[in-house]
């Protein structure tokens, strides 16, 4: 039996994002959903996500099902060392969170938490 993992993506990996091709082979099962406790910052070509646990902070993204461990490995490589794939308290899915929150001190907040809408 294949274990299915869920991953929430909020930036370039989203459907319509510049790196969505990395999600090939994954099943999109929720698009444009909101998750609270995460704040997005504009880092230029992509957003930084920071876990705040504040219900007022909201991010919009897509939920995918991943059946192949190799896809998670390639996503980890794409996200690089700046991010850590985590399952946050109260969540049952992976999300990439910025490792060093101090990198956001000078960056603008993505208003509304929707990267694709913000970048239009």
C-alpha atoms as a PDB file:
ATOM      1  CA  UNK A   1       0.000   0.000   0.000  1.00  0.00           C
ATOM      2  CA  UNK A   2       1.282   3.452  -0.962  1.00  0.00           C
ATOM      3  CA  UNK A   3       1.323   6.118   1.735  1.00  0.00           C
ATOM      4  CA  UNK A   4      -0.217   9.380   0.545  1.00  0.00           C
ATOM      5  CA  UNK A   5       1.229  12.593   1.940  1.00  0.00           C
ATOM      6  CA  UNK A   6      -0.499  15.961   1.732  1.00  0.00           C
ATOM      7  CA  UNK A   7       1.358  19.182   1.042  1.00  0.00           C
ATOM      8  CA  UNK A   8       0.098  22.760   1.114  1.00  0.00           C
ATOM      9  CA  UNK A   9       1.843  25.086  -1.356  1.00  0.00           C
ATOM     10  CA  UNK A  10       1.375  28.859  -1.340  1.00  0.00           C
ATOM     11  CA  UNK A  11       3.817  30.392  -3.830  1.00  0.00           C
ATOM     12  CA  UNK A  12       5.562  29.376  -7.021  1.00  0.00           C
ATOM     13  CA  UNK A  13       4.462  25.725  -6.683  1.00  0.00           C
ATOM     14  CA  UNK A  14       0.749  26.603  -6.833  1.00  0.00           C
ATOM     15  CA  UNK A  15      -1.368  25.898  -9.889  1.00  0.00           C
ATOM     16  CA  UNK A  16      -0.514  28.865 -12.114  1.00  0.00           C
ATOM     17  CA  UNK A  17       2.799  29.440 -10.325  1.00  0.00           C
ATOM     18  CA  UNK A  18       6.153  29.595 -12.101  1.00  0.00           C
ATOM     19  CA  UNK A  19       7.363  26.280 -10.582  1.00  0.00           C
ATOM     20  CA  UNK A  20       4.091  24.325 -10.693  1.00  0.00           C
ATOM     21  CA  UNK A  21       5.741  21.797 -13.042  1.00  0.00           C
ATOM     22  CA  UNK A  22       7.383  20.295  -9.919  1.00  0.00           C
ATOM     23  CA  UNK A  23       3.886  19.205  -8.840  1.00  0.00           C
ATOM     24  CA  UNK A  24       3.453  16.991 -11.917  1.00  0.00           C
ATOM     25  CA  UNK A  25       2.403  13.556 -10.708  1.00  0.00           C
ATOM     26  CA  UNK A  26       0.624  15.019  -7.667  1.00  0.00           C
ATOM     27  CA  UNK A  27      -3.121  15.286  -7.322  1.00  0.00           C
ATOM     28  CA  UNK A  28      -4.525  18.765  -6.687  1.00  0.00           C
ATOM     29  CA  UNK A  29      -7.513  18.311  -4.400  1.00  0.00           C
ATOM     30  CA  UNK A  30      -8.068  21.782  -2.892  1.00  0.00           C
ATOM     31  CA  UNK A  31      -7.287  24.981  -4.771  1.00  0.00           C
ATOM     32  CA  UNK A  32      -7.291  28.479  -3.299  1.00  0.00           C
ATOM     33  CA  UNK A  33      -7.888  27.419   0.299  1.00  0.00           C
ATOM     34  CA  UNK A  34      -6.826  29.441   3.331  1.00  0.00           C
ATOM     35  CA  UNK A  35      -4.680  28.315   6.232  1.00  0.00           C
ATOM     36  CA  UNK A  36      -4.339  30.431   9.364  1.00  0.00           C
ATOM     37  CA  UNK A  37      -1.253  30.966  11.485  1.00  0.00           C
ATOM     38  CA  UNK A  38       1.057  31.682   8.536  1.00  0.00           C
ATOM     39  CA  UNK A  39       2.283  35.077   7.344  1.00  0.00           C
ATOM     40  CA  UNK A  40       3.705  35.600   3.835  1.00  0.00           C
ATOM     41  CA  UNK A  41       6.436  38.071   2.937  1.00  0.00           C
ATOM     42  CA  UNK A  42       7.496  39.274  -0.506  1.00  0.00           C
ATOM     43  CA  UNK A  43      11.077  38.130  -1.123  1.00  0.00           C
ATOM     44  CA  UNK A  44      11.027  39.172  -4.778  1.00  0.00           C
ATOM     45  CA  UNK A  45      10.637  36.160  -7.063  1.00  0.00           C
ATOM     46  CA  UNK A  46       8.966  34.051  -4.366  1.00  0.00           C
ATOM     47  CA  UNK A  47       7.368  34.429  -0.935  1.00  0.00           C
ATOM     48  CA  UNK A  48       8.741  33.618   2.498  1.00  0.00           C
ATOM     49  CA  UNK A  49       6.267  31.870   4.825  1.00  0.00           C
ATOM     50  CA  UNK A  50       6.601  32.266   8.572  1.00  0.00           C
ATOM     51  CA  UNK A  51       4.634  30.278  11.146  1.00  0.00           C
ATOM     52  CA  UNK A  52       3.080  32.712  13.626  1.00  0.00           C
ATOM     53  CA  UNK A  53       0.234  30.627  15.168  1.00  0.00           C
ATOM     54  CA  UNK A  54      -1.811  33.869  15.041  1.00  0.00           C
ATOM     55  CA  UNK A  55      -5.288  33.098  13.632  1.00  0.00           C
ATOM     56  CA  UNK A  56      -5.332  36.608  12.119  1.00  0.00           C
ATOM     57  CA  UNK A  57      -2.437  35.668   9.811  1.00  0.00           C
ATOM     58  CA  UNK A  58      -3.711  33.872   6.730  1.00  0.00           C
ATOM     59  CA  UNK A  59      -2.169  32.338   3.622  1.00  0.00           C
ATOM     60  CA  UNK A  60      -3.960  31.146   0.487  1.00  0.00           C
ATOM     61  CA  UNK A  61      -2.684  28.094  -1.359  1.00  0.00           C
ATOM     62  CA  UNK A  62      -3.326  24.714  -2.898  1.00  0.00           C
ATOM     63  CA  UNK A  63      -3.387  21.263  -1.298  1.00  0.00           C
ATOM     64  CA  UNK A  64      -1.844  18.372  -3.202  1.00  0.00           C
ATOM     65  CA  UNK A  65      -1.672  14.636  -2.544  1.00  0.00           C
ATOM     66  CA  UNK A  66       1.765  13.111  -3.098  1.00  0.00           C
ATOM     67  CA  UNK A  67       2.169   9.352  -3.522  1.00  0.00           C
ATOM     68  CA  UNK A  68       5.814   9.298  -4.562  1.00  0.00           C
ATOM     69  CA  UNK A  69       8.588   9.980  -2.036  1.00  0.00           C
ATOM     70  CA  UNK A  70      10.836  11.089  -4.941  1.00  0.00           C
ATOM     71  CA  UNK A  71       8.561  14.105  -5.490  1.00  0.00           C
ATOM     72  CA  UNK A  72       9.089  15.211  -1.875  1.00  0.00           C
ATOM     73  CA  UNK A  73      12.853  14.869  -2.365  1.00  0.00           C
ATOM     74  CA  UNK A  74      12.747  17.025  -5.516  1.00  0.00           C
ATOM     75  CA  UNK A  75      10.557  19.609  -3.749  1.00  0.00           C
ATOM     76  CA  UNK A  76      13.024  19.739  -0.839  1.00  0.00           C
ATOM     77  CA  UNK A  77      15.841  20.337  -3.328  1.00  0.00           C
ATOM     78  CA  UNK A  78      13.838  23.050  -5.109  1.00  0.00           C
ATOM     79  CA  UNK A  79      13.007  24.846  -1.843  1.00  0.00           C
ATOM     80  CA  UNK A  80      16.640  24.664  -0.714  1.00  0.00           C
ATOM     81  CA  UNK A  81      18.157  25.261   2.680  1.00  0.00           C
ATOM     82  CA  UNK A  82      16.164  28.435   3.386  1.00  0.00           C
ATOM     83  CA  UNK A  83      13.048  26.362   3.971  1.00  0.00           C
ATOM     84  CA  UNK A  84      12.108  23.397   6.090  1.00  0.00           C
ATOM     85  CA  UNK A  85       9.247  21.045   5.199  1.00  0.00           C
ATOM     86  CA  UNK A  86       7.214  20.688   8.388  1.00  0.00           C
ATOM     87  CA  UNK A  87       3.936  19.480   9.767  1.00  0.00           C
ATOM     88  CA  UNK A  88       2.911  22.322  12.067  1.00  0.00           C
ATOM     89  CA  UNK A  89       0.920  21.925  15.293  1.00  0.00           C
ATOM     90  CA  UNK A  90      -2.711  21.142  14.547  1.00  0.00           C
ATOM     91  CA  UNK A  91      -2.053  20.450  10.837  1.00  0.00           C
ATOM     92  CA  UNK A  92      -2.044  17.109   9.004  1.00  0.00           C
ATOM     93  CA  UNK A  93      -0.053  18.224   5.974  1.00  0.00           C
ATOM     94  CA  UNK A  94       3.405  19.421   5.038  1.00  0.00           C
ATOM     95  CA  UNK A  95       4.208  23.071   4.398  1.00  0.00           C
ATOM     96  CA  UNK A  96       7.522  24.797   3.671  1.00  0.00           C
ATOM     97  CA  UNK A  97       8.407  27.327   6.375  1.00  0.00           C
ATOM     98  CA  UNK A  98      11.310  29.784   6.395  1.00  0.00           C
ATOM     99  CA  UNK A  99      14.171  28.651   8.653  1.00  0.00           C
ATOM    100  CA  UNK A 100      15.382  32.130   9.645  1.00  0.00           C
ATOM    101  CA  UNK A 101      12.539  34.538  10.466  1.00  0.00           C
ATOM    102  CA  UNK A 102      14.973  37.442  10.795  1.00  0.00           C
ATOM    103  CA  UNK A 103      15.179  37.505   6.971  1.00  0.00           C
ATOM    104  CA  UNK A 104      11.675  39.019   6.867  1.00  0.00           C
ATOM    105  CA  UNK A 105      12.388  42.107   9.003  1.00  0.00           C
ATOM    106  CA  UNK A 106      12.788  44.419   5.991  1.00  0.00           C
ATOM    107  CA  UNK A 107      10.322  42.715   3.609  1.00  0.00           C
ATOM    108  CA  UNK A 108       6.755  43.750   2.790  1.00  0.00           C
ATOM    109  CA  UNK A 109       3.920  41.494   3.947  1.00  0.00           C
ATOM    110  CA  UNK A 110       1.902  39.875   1.152  1.00  0.00           C
ATOM    111  CA  UNK A 111      -1.442  41.553   1.752  1.00  0.00           C
ATOM    112  CA  UNK A 112      -4.296  39.045   1.777  1.00  0.00           C
ATOM    113  CA  UNK A 113      -1.838  36.127   1.885  1.00  0.00           C
ATOM    114  CA  UNK A 114      -2.423  35.160  -1.782  1.00  0.00           C
ATOM    115  CA  UNK A 115       0.917  35.161  -3.633  1.00  0.00           C
ATOM    116  CA  UNK A 116      -0.550  34.660  -7.115  1.00  0.00           C
ATOM    117  CA  UNK A 117      -3.047  37.490  -6.700  1.00  0.00           C
ATOM    118  CA  UNK A 118      -0.397  39.718  -5.096  1.00  0.00           C
ATOM    119  CA  UNK A 119       2.049  39.210  -7.987  1.00  0.00           C
ATOM    120  CA  UNK A 120      -0.488  40.087 -10.717  1.00  0.00           C
END
